C-alpha atoms as a PDB file:
ATOM      1  CA  MET A   1      25.552  -5.477  24.770  1.00  0.00           C
ATOM      2  CA  GLY A   2      26.471  -3.825  21.477  1.00  0.00           C
ATOM      3  CA  ILE A   3      27.148  -5.608  18.193  1.00  0.00           C
ATOM      4  CA  LEU A   4      30.896  -5.129  18.604  1.00  0.00           C
ATOM      5  CA  ASP A   5      30.711  -6.869  21.971  1.00  0.00           C
ATOM      6  CA  MET A   6      29.433 -10.052  20.312  1.00  0.00           C
ATOM      7  CA  PRO A   7      31.740 -12.770  18.970  1.00  0.00           C
ATOM      8  CA  TRP A   8      32.216 -11.992  15.262  1.00  0.00           C
ATOM      9  CA  TYR A   9      30.467 -15.202  14.168  1.00  0.00           C
ATOM     10  CA  ASP A  10      27.318 -14.329  16.182  1.00  0.00           C
ATOM     11  CA  ARG A  11      26.918 -10.838  14.762  1.00  0.00           C
ATOM     12  CA  PRO A  12      23.734 -10.467  12.688  1.00  0.00           C
ATOM     13  CA  GLY A  13      25.545  -9.748   9.417  1.00  0.00           C
ATOM     14  CA  ASN A  14      27.723 -12.834   9.660  1.00  0.00           C
ATOM     15  CA  ARG A  15      24.763 -14.979  10.672  1.00  0.00           C
ATOM     16  CA  LEU A  16      22.804 -13.738   7.672  1.00  0.00           C
ATOM     17  CA  ILE A  17      25.629 -14.712   5.312  1.00  0.00           C
ATOM     18  CA  ARG A  18      26.098 -18.071   6.985  1.00  0.00           C
ATOM     19  CA  GLU A  19      22.477 -19.098   7.688  1.00  0.00           C
ATOM     20  CA  GLY A  20      20.280 -16.924   5.459  1.00  0.00           C
ATOM     21  CA  ALA A  21      18.098 -13.906   6.255  1.00  0.00           C
ATOM     22  CA  GLU A  22      15.082 -16.062   7.168  1.00  0.00           C
ATOM     23  CA  LYS A  23      16.951 -17.389  10.233  1.00  0.00           C
ATOM     24  CA  LEU A  24      17.357 -13.951  11.796  1.00  0.00           C
ATOM     25  CA  SER A  25      14.910 -12.382  14.231  1.00  0.00           C
ATOM     26  CA  ASP A  26      13.105  -9.111  13.482  1.00  0.00           C
ATOM     27  CA  SER A  27      15.447  -7.368  15.891  1.00  0.00           C
ATOM     28  CA  GLU A  28      18.576  -8.721  14.181  1.00  0.00           C
ATOM     29  CA  LEU A  29      17.318  -7.701  10.750  1.00  0.00           C
ATOM     30  CA  LEU A  30      16.551  -4.223  12.067  1.00  0.00           C
ATOM     31  CA  GLU A  31      20.046  -3.997  13.559  1.00  0.00           C
ATOM     32  CA  ILE A  32      21.590  -4.753  10.144  1.00  0.00           C
ATOM     33  CA  LEU A  33      19.360  -2.218   8.433  1.00  0.00           C
ATOM     34  CA  LEU A  34      20.130   0.594  10.861  1.00  0.00           C
ATOM     35  CA  GLY A  35      23.849  -0.089  11.077  1.00  0.00           C
ATOM     36  CA  LYS A  36      24.616   2.255  13.931  1.00  0.00           C
ATOM     37  CA  THR A  37      23.116   5.015  16.024  1.00  0.00           C
ATOM     38  CA  LYS A  38      24.757   8.121  17.382  1.00  0.00           C
ATOM     39  CA  ASN A  39      23.201   7.589  20.827  1.00  0.00           C
ATOM     40  CA  GLY A  40      23.727   4.214  22.484  1.00  0.00           C
ATOM     41  CA  SER A  41      23.593   0.615  21.331  1.00  0.00           C
ATOM     42  CA  ILE A  42      21.762  -0.266  18.116  1.00  0.00           C
ATOM     43  CA  VAL A  43      20.933  -3.654  19.662  1.00  0.00           C
ATOM     44  CA  ASN A  44      19.212  -2.010  22.620  1.00  0.00           C
ATOM     45  CA  LEU A  45      17.366   0.420  20.341  1.00  0.00           C
ATOM     46  CA  ALA A  46      16.092  -2.335  18.017  1.00  0.00           C
ATOM     47  CA  ASN A  47      14.886  -4.422  20.948  1.00  0.00           C
ATOM     48  CA  LYS A  48      13.204  -1.427  22.565  1.00  0.00           C
ATOM     49  CA  LEU A  49      11.354  -0.435  19.392  1.00  0.00           C
ATOM     50  CA  LEU A  50      10.086  -3.921  18.599  1.00  0.00           C
ATOM     51  CA  LYS A  51       9.063  -4.568  22.190  1.00  0.00           C
ATOM     52  CA  LYS A  52       7.017  -1.384  22.258  1.00  0.00           C
ATOM     53  CA  TYR A  53       5.685  -1.330  18.676  1.00  0.00           C
ATOM     54  CA  ASN A  54       5.170  -3.586  15.691  1.00  0.00           C
ATOM     55  CA  PHE A  55       6.282  -2.394  12.257  1.00  0.00           C
ATOM     56  CA  ASN A  56       2.999  -0.808  11.188  1.00  0.00           C
ATOM     57  CA  ARG A  57       2.841   1.097  14.488  1.00  0.00           C
ATOM     58  CA  LEU A  58       6.313   2.450  13.782  1.00  0.00           C
ATOM     59  CA  GLU A  59       5.000   3.895  10.525  1.00  0.00           C
ATOM     60  CA  GLU A  60       2.059   5.490  12.307  1.00  0.00           C
ATOM     61  CA  LEU A  61       4.448   7.412  14.570  1.00  0.00           C
ATOM     62  CA  GLY A  62       5.598   9.488  11.613  1.00  0.00           C
ATOM     63  CA  PHE A  63       9.023  11.047  11.352  1.00  0.00           C
ATOM     64  CA  GLU A  64       8.935  13.257  14.439  1.00  0.00           C
ATOM     65  CA  GLY A  65       7.478  10.593  16.711  1.00  0.00           C
ATOM     66  CA  LEU A  66       9.896   7.971  15.468  1.00  0.00           C
ATOM     67  CA  LYS A  67      12.875  10.292  15.814  1.00  0.00           C
ATOM     68  CA  LYS A  68      11.912  10.850  19.450  1.00  0.00           C
ATOM     69  CA  GLU A  69      11.732   7.079  20.040  1.00  0.00           C
ATOM     70  CA  CYS A  70      15.162   6.744  18.414  1.00  0.00           C
ATOM     71  CA  ASN A  71      16.836   9.101  20.893  1.00  0.00           C
ATOM     72  CA  ASN A  72      16.504  12.035  18.439  1.00  0.00           C
ATOM     73  CA  ASP A  73      18.577  10.236  15.810  1.00  0.00           C
ATOM     74  CA  ARG A  74      17.004  11.520  12.566  1.00  0.00           C
ATOM     75  CA  ILE A  75      19.060   9.209  10.323  1.00  0.00           C
ATOM     76  CA  VAL A  76      17.804   6.093  12.084  1.00  0.00           C
ATOM     77  CA  ALA A  77      14.217   7.364  11.866  1.00  0.00           C
ATOM     78  CA  LEU A  78      14.612   8.023   8.131  1.00  0.00           C
ATOM     79  CA  LYS A  79      16.059   4.544   7.576  1.00  0.00           C
ATOM     80  CA  ILE A  80      13.135   2.864   9.335  1.00  0.00           C
ATOM     81  CA  LEU A  81      10.499   4.821   7.417  1.00  0.00           C
ATOM     82  CA  SER A  82      12.308   4.155   4.126  1.00  0.00           C
ATOM     83  CA  PHE A  83      12.489   0.449   4.924  1.00  0.00           C
ATOM     84  CA  ILE A  84       8.763   0.265   5.686  1.00  0.00           C
ATOM     85  CA  GLU A  85       7.879   2.031   2.431  1.00  0.00           C
ATOM     86  CA  LEU A  86      10.158  -0.234   0.388  1.00  0.00           C
ATOM     87  CA  ASN A  87       8.560  -3.246   2.063  1.00  0.00           C
ATOM     88  CA  LYS A  88       5.078  -1.997   1.120  1.00  0.00           C
ATOM     89  CA  ARG A  89       6.150  -1.510  -2.495  1.00  0.00           C
ATOM     90  CA  CYS A  90       7.691  -4.978  -2.593  1.00  0.00           C
ATOM     91  CA  ASN A  91       4.478  -6.462  -1.177  1.00  0.00           C
ATOM     92  CA  LYS A  92       2.487  -4.730  -3.877  1.00  0.00           C
ATOM     93  CA  LEU A  93       4.627  -6.370  -6.537  1.00  0.00           C
ATOM     94  CA  VAL A  94       4.493  -9.802  -4.931  1.00  0.00           C
ATOM     95  CA  LYS A  95       0.727  -9.667  -4.453  1.00  0.00           C
ATOM     96  CA  GLY A  96       0.121  -9.345  -8.162  1.00  0.00           C
ATOM     97  CA  GLY A  97       0.024  -5.687  -9.084  1.00  0.00           C
ATOM     98  CA  TYR A  98       2.750  -5.684 -11.704  1.00  0.00           C
ATOM     99  CA  ASN A  99       3.817  -9.269 -12.239  1.00  0.00           C
ATOM    100  CA  LYS A 100       1.890  -9.698 -15.478  1.00  0.00           C
ATOM    101  CA  LYS A 101      -0.885 -11.774 -14.001  1.00  0.00           C
ATOM    102  CA  ALA A 102      -4.342 -11.164 -15.354  1.00  0.00           C
ATOM    103  CA  ILE A 103      -6.678  -9.454 -12.898  1.00  0.00           C
ATOM    104  CA  ILE A 104      -9.492 -11.924 -12.311  1.00  0.00           C
ATOM    105  CA  SER A 105     -10.769 -10.952  -8.869  1.00  0.00           C
ATOM    106  CA  ALA A 106     -11.445  -7.958  -6.641  1.00  0.00           C
ATOM    107  CA  ARG A 107      -9.205  -9.533  -3.997  1.00  0.00           C
ATOM    108  CA  GLN A 108      -6.194  -8.959  -6.260  1.00  0.00           C
ATOM    109  CA  ILE A 109      -7.090  -5.280  -6.450  1.00  0.00           C
ATOM    110  CA  ASN A 110      -7.510  -5.091  -2.681  1.00  0.00           C
ATOM    111  CA  ASP A 111      -4.125  -6.765  -2.181  1.00  0.00           C
ATOM    112  CA  MET A 112      -2.476  -4.334  -4.571  1.00  0.00           C
ATOM    113  CA  LEU A 113      -3.704  -1.166  -2.904  1.00  0.00           C
ATOM    114  CA  SER A 114      -4.719  -1.930   0.704  1.00  0.00           C
ATOM    115  CA  ASP A 115      -1.228  -1.300   2.121  1.00  0.00           C
ATOM    116  CA  LYS A 116      -0.993   1.966   0.212  1.00  0.00           C
ATOM    117  CA  VAL A 117      -4.293   3.446   1.403  1.00  0.00           C
ATOM    118  CA  LYS A 118      -4.663   2.009   4.907  1.00  0.00           C
ATOM    119  CA  ASN A 119      -3.403   5.185   6.614  1.00  0.00           C
ATOM    120  CA  TYR A 120      -5.070   7.692   4.281  1.00  0.00           C
ATOM    121  CA  LYS A 121      -7.206  10.242   6.127  1.00  0.00           C
ATOM    122  CA  LYS A 122      -9.233  11.157   3.028  1.00  0.00           C
ATOM    123  CA  GLU A 123     -10.949   9.170   0.304  1.00  0.00           C
ATOM    124  CA  VAL A 124      -8.839   8.798  -2.836  1.00  0.00           C
ATOM    125  CA  LEU A 125     -10.145   7.483  -6.150  1.00  0.00           C
ATOM    126  CA  PHE A 126      -7.833   5.432  -8.371  1.00  0.00           C
ATOM    127  CA  THR A 127      -8.286   3.838 -11.762  1.00  0.00           C
ATOM    128  CA  VAL A 128      -6.493   0.590 -12.538  1.00  0.00           C
ATOM    129  CA  LEU A 129      -5.826   0.574 -16.286  1.00  0.00           C
ATOM    130  CA  LEU A 130      -5.880  -2.868 -17.939  1.00  0.00           C
ATOM    131  CA  ASP A 131      -4.770  -4.115 -21.335  1.00  0.00           C
ATOM    132  CA  THR A 132      -6.554  -6.651 -23.540  1.00  0.00           C
ATOM    133  CA  LYS A 133      -5.225  -9.512 -21.372  1.00  0.00           C
ATOM    134  CA  ARG A 134      -6.512  -7.771 -18.230  1.00  0.00           C
ATOM    135  CA  GLU A 135      -2.951  -7.209 -17.082  1.00  0.00           C
ATOM    136  CA  VAL A 136      -2.178  -3.958 -15.257  1.00  0.00           C
ATOM    137  CA  ILE A 137      -0.807  -1.127 -17.397  1.00  0.00           C
ATOM    138  CA  CYS A 138      -0.634   1.332 -14.506  1.00  0.00           C
ATOM    139  CA  ILE A 139      -2.619   2.808 -11.631  1.00  0.00           C
ATOM    140  CA  LYS A 140      -3.679   6.459 -11.714  1.00  0.00           C
ATOM    141  CA  GLU A 141      -4.818   8.661  -8.833  1.00  0.00           C
ATOM    142  CA  ILE A 142      -7.863  10.608 -10.006  1.00  0.00           C
ATOM    143  CA  SER A 143      -9.276  12.621  -7.105  1.00  0.00           C
ATOM    144  CA  VAL A 144      -8.997  13.241  -3.375  1.00  0.00           C
ATOM    145  CA  GLY A 145     -12.066  13.740  -1.200  1.00  0.00           C
ATOM    146  CA  THR A 146     -15.457  12.154  -0.637  1.00  0.00           C
ATOM    147  CA  LEU A 147     -16.810  10.768  -3.899  1.00  0.00           C
ATOM    148  CA  ASN A 148     -19.673  12.728  -5.432  1.00  0.00           C
ATOM    149  CA  THR A 149     -20.825  13.683  -8.894  1.00  0.00           C
ATOM    150  CA  THR A 150     -19.339  17.184  -8.683  1.00  0.00           C
ATOM    151  CA  LEU A 151     -15.877  16.004  -7.628  1.00  0.00           C
ATOM    152  CA  VAL A 152     -15.516  12.998  -9.940  1.00  0.00           C
ATOM    153  CA  HIS A 153     -16.016  13.797 -13.618  1.00  0.00           C
ATOM    154  CA  PRO A 154     -15.904  11.102 -16.333  1.00  0.00           C
ATOM    155  CA  ARG A 155     -13.479  13.269 -18.303  1.00  0.00           C
ATOM    156  CA  GLU A 156     -10.838  12.979 -15.575  1.00  0.00           C
ATOM    157  CA  VAL A 157     -11.430   9.269 -15.055  1.00  0.00           C
ATOM    158  CA  PHE A 158     -11.148   8.267 -18.715  1.00  0.00           C
ATOM    159  CA  LYS A 159      -8.511  10.781 -19.842  1.00  0.00           C
ATOM    160  CA  GLU A 160      -5.637   8.600 -18.643  1.00  0.00           C
ATOM    161  CA  ALA A 161      -7.296   5.435 -19.930  1.00  0.00           C
ATOM    162  CA  ILE A 162      -7.516   6.927 -23.426  1.00  0.00           C
ATOM    163  CA  LYS A 163      -3.953   8.255 -23.283  1.00  0.00           C
ATOM    164  CA  ASP A 164      -2.553   4.858 -22.263  1.00  0.00           C
ATOM    165  CA  SER A 165      -4.798   2.894 -24.660  1.00  0.00           C
ATOM    166  CA  ALA A 166      -6.423   0.921 -21.844  1.00  0.00           C
ATOM    167  CA  ASP A 167      -8.847  -1.765 -22.922  1.00  0.00           C
ATOM    168  CA  SER A 168     -10.799  -1.564 -19.641  1.00  0.00           C
ATOM    169  CA  ILE A 169     -10.537  -0.064 -16.170  1.00  0.00           C
ATOM    170  CA  ILE A 170     -11.352  -0.858 -12.554  1.00  0.00           C
ATOM    171  CA  LEU A 171     -12.322   1.897 -10.131  1.00  0.00           C
ATOM    172  CA  VAL A 172     -10.876   1.768  -6.622  1.00  0.00           C
ATOM    173  CA  HIS A 173     -11.268   4.001  -3.621  1.00  0.00           C
ATOM    174  CA  ASN A 174     -10.801   3.778   0.138  1.00  0.00           C
ATOM    175  CA  HIS A 175     -13.051   4.463   3.105  1.00  0.00           C
ATOM    176  CA  PRO A 176     -10.944   5.952   5.938  1.00  0.00           C
ATOM    177  CA  ASN A 177     -13.681   5.112   8.461  1.00  0.00           C
ATOM    178  CA  GLY A 178     -12.938   1.426   7.826  1.00  0.00           C
ATOM    179  CA  ASN A 179     -16.427   0.463   6.585  1.00  0.00           C
ATOM    180  CA  SER A 180     -16.172  -0.831   3.023  1.00  0.00           C
ATOM    181  CA  ASN A 181     -19.906  -0.679   2.237  1.00  0.00           C
ATOM    182  CA  PRO A 182     -20.773   1.842  -0.502  1.00  0.00           C
ATOM    183  CA  SER A 183     -22.484   5.119   0.285  1.00  0.00           C
ATOM    184  CA  GLN A 184     -25.278   6.484  -1.901  1.00  0.00           C
ATOM    185  CA  PRO A 185     -22.839   8.888  -3.652  1.00  0.00           C
ATOM    186  CA  ASP A 186     -20.542   5.897  -4.313  1.00  0.00           C
ATOM    187  CA  ILE A 187     -23.416   4.106  -6.022  1.00  0.00           C
ATOM    188  CA  GLU A 188     -24.376   7.160  -8.077  1.00  0.00           C
ATOM    189  CA  VAL A 189     -20.816   7.860  -9.219  1.00  0.00           C
ATOM    190  CA  THR A 190     -20.307   4.214 -10.126  1.00  0.00           C
ATOM    191  CA  LYS A 191     -23.389   4.202 -12.360  1.00  0.00           C
ATOM    192  CA  ILE A 192     -22.340   7.399 -14.146  1.00  0.00           C
ATOM    193  CA  LEU A 193     -18.820   6.131 -14.783  1.00  0.00           C
ATOM    194  CA  LYS A 194     -19.996   2.706 -15.915  1.00  0.00           C
ATOM    195  CA  ASP A 195     -22.394   4.331 -18.408  1.00  0.00           C
ATOM    196  CA  SER A 196     -19.589   6.609 -19.611  1.00  0.00           C
ATOM    197  CA  GLY A 197     -17.326   3.611 -20.116  1.00  0.00           C
ATOM    198  CA  ARG A 198     -19.935   1.968 -22.331  1.00  0.00           C
ATOM    199  CA  LEU A 199     -20.105   5.069 -24.533  1.00  0.00           C
ATOM    200  CA  LEU A 200     -16.312   5.211 -24.837  1.00  0.00           C
ATOM    201  CA  SER A 201     -15.918   1.438 -25.344  1.00  0.00           C
ATOM    202  CA  ILE A 202     -13.670   1.339 -22.273  1.00  0.00           C
ATOM    203  CA  PRO A 203     -15.718  -0.832 -19.901  1.00  0.00           C
ATOM    204  CA  VAL A 204     -15.592  -0.340 -16.150  1.00  0.00           C
ATOM    205  CA  LEU A 205     -15.167  -3.927 -14.948  1.00  0.00           C
ATOM    206  CA  ASP A 206     -15.618  -3.253 -11.246  1.00  0.00           C
ATOM    207  CA  HIS A 207     -15.541  -0.695  -8.474  1.00  0.00           C
ATOM    208  CA  VAL A 208     -13.668  -1.892  -5.389  1.00  0.00           C
ATOM    209  CA  ILE A 209     -13.999  -0.067  -2.071  1.00  0.00           C
ATOM    210  CA  ILE A 210     -11.216  -0.765   0.435  1.00  0.00           C
ATOM    211  CA  GLY A 211     -12.022  -0.599   4.143  1.00  0.00           C
ATOM    212  CA  LYS A 212      -9.934  -1.407   7.182  1.00  0.00           C
ATOM    213  CA  ASP A 213     -10.193  -5.197   7.151  1.00  0.00           C
ATOM    214  CA  SER A 214     -12.467  -5.823   4.195  1.00  0.00           C
ATOM    215  CA  TYR A 215     -13.330  -4.723   0.687  1.00  0.00           C
ATOM    216  CA  TYR A 216     -16.540  -4.309  -1.286  1.00  0.00           C
ATOM    217  CA  SER A 217     -16.753  -5.297  -4.948  1.00  0.00           C
ATOM    218  CA  PHE A 218     -19.717  -4.067  -6.986  1.00  0.00           C
ATOM    219  CA  THR A 219     -19.161  -6.937  -9.414  1.00  0.00           C
ATOM    220  CA  GLU A 220     -18.891  -9.678  -6.783  1.00  0.00           C
ATOM    221  CA  ARG A 221     -21.975  -8.364  -4.962  1.00  0.00           C
ATOM    222  CA  LYS A 222     -23.804  -8.182  -8.308  1.00  0.00           C
ATOM    223  CA  THR A 223     -24.689  -4.540  -7.722  1.00  0.00           C
ATOM    224  CA  PHE A 224     -23.094  -3.518 -11.015  1.00  0.00           C
ATOM    225  CA  SER A 225     -25.925  -2.848 -13.456  1.00  0.00           C
END
């Protein structure tokens, strides 16, 4: 059955207006988002996708894989990927990244960035720049690749902090292998950057490593000397 075969009052759009979005199933919400497909029923496509994959698996397919699952309809594939990315950005806002809440725990940092980095294949180092109230000014990507003292230079880390008048910073990077425990190079880089922050009067408050299902905080583990 297609949407046009349904009674008008049972169509997802009308139900959303009448009952609210929270009353609709995942499939119905996806049907509204996609609108139509050039090949077959959008209802059948939405049900097929959600029966076979959950939303994060859809993202992992990438554009080409998703287009194939959507009967080679590139527009539908683009809509789904755009929706997933918008949802991730919304989650980042809701979880405390930019809602003017003071950063008081490593968990907040993990919540802000875990969705962003979960599918990264390489390590990426970020700095979270904080103002005097420990509210987020912005997040800067500093380097890509395994952390070591030759790749990560204090100049690059603190350049943006100085430019944006940050009062303090938090270092964040991901471990694509899923293990959030620090490596020896992680420990060495952290010490160098923390010492540099002292000299510049821009303290490094923490270094948070994001794994698959966990995070490691140097401050919480009291390994921050």
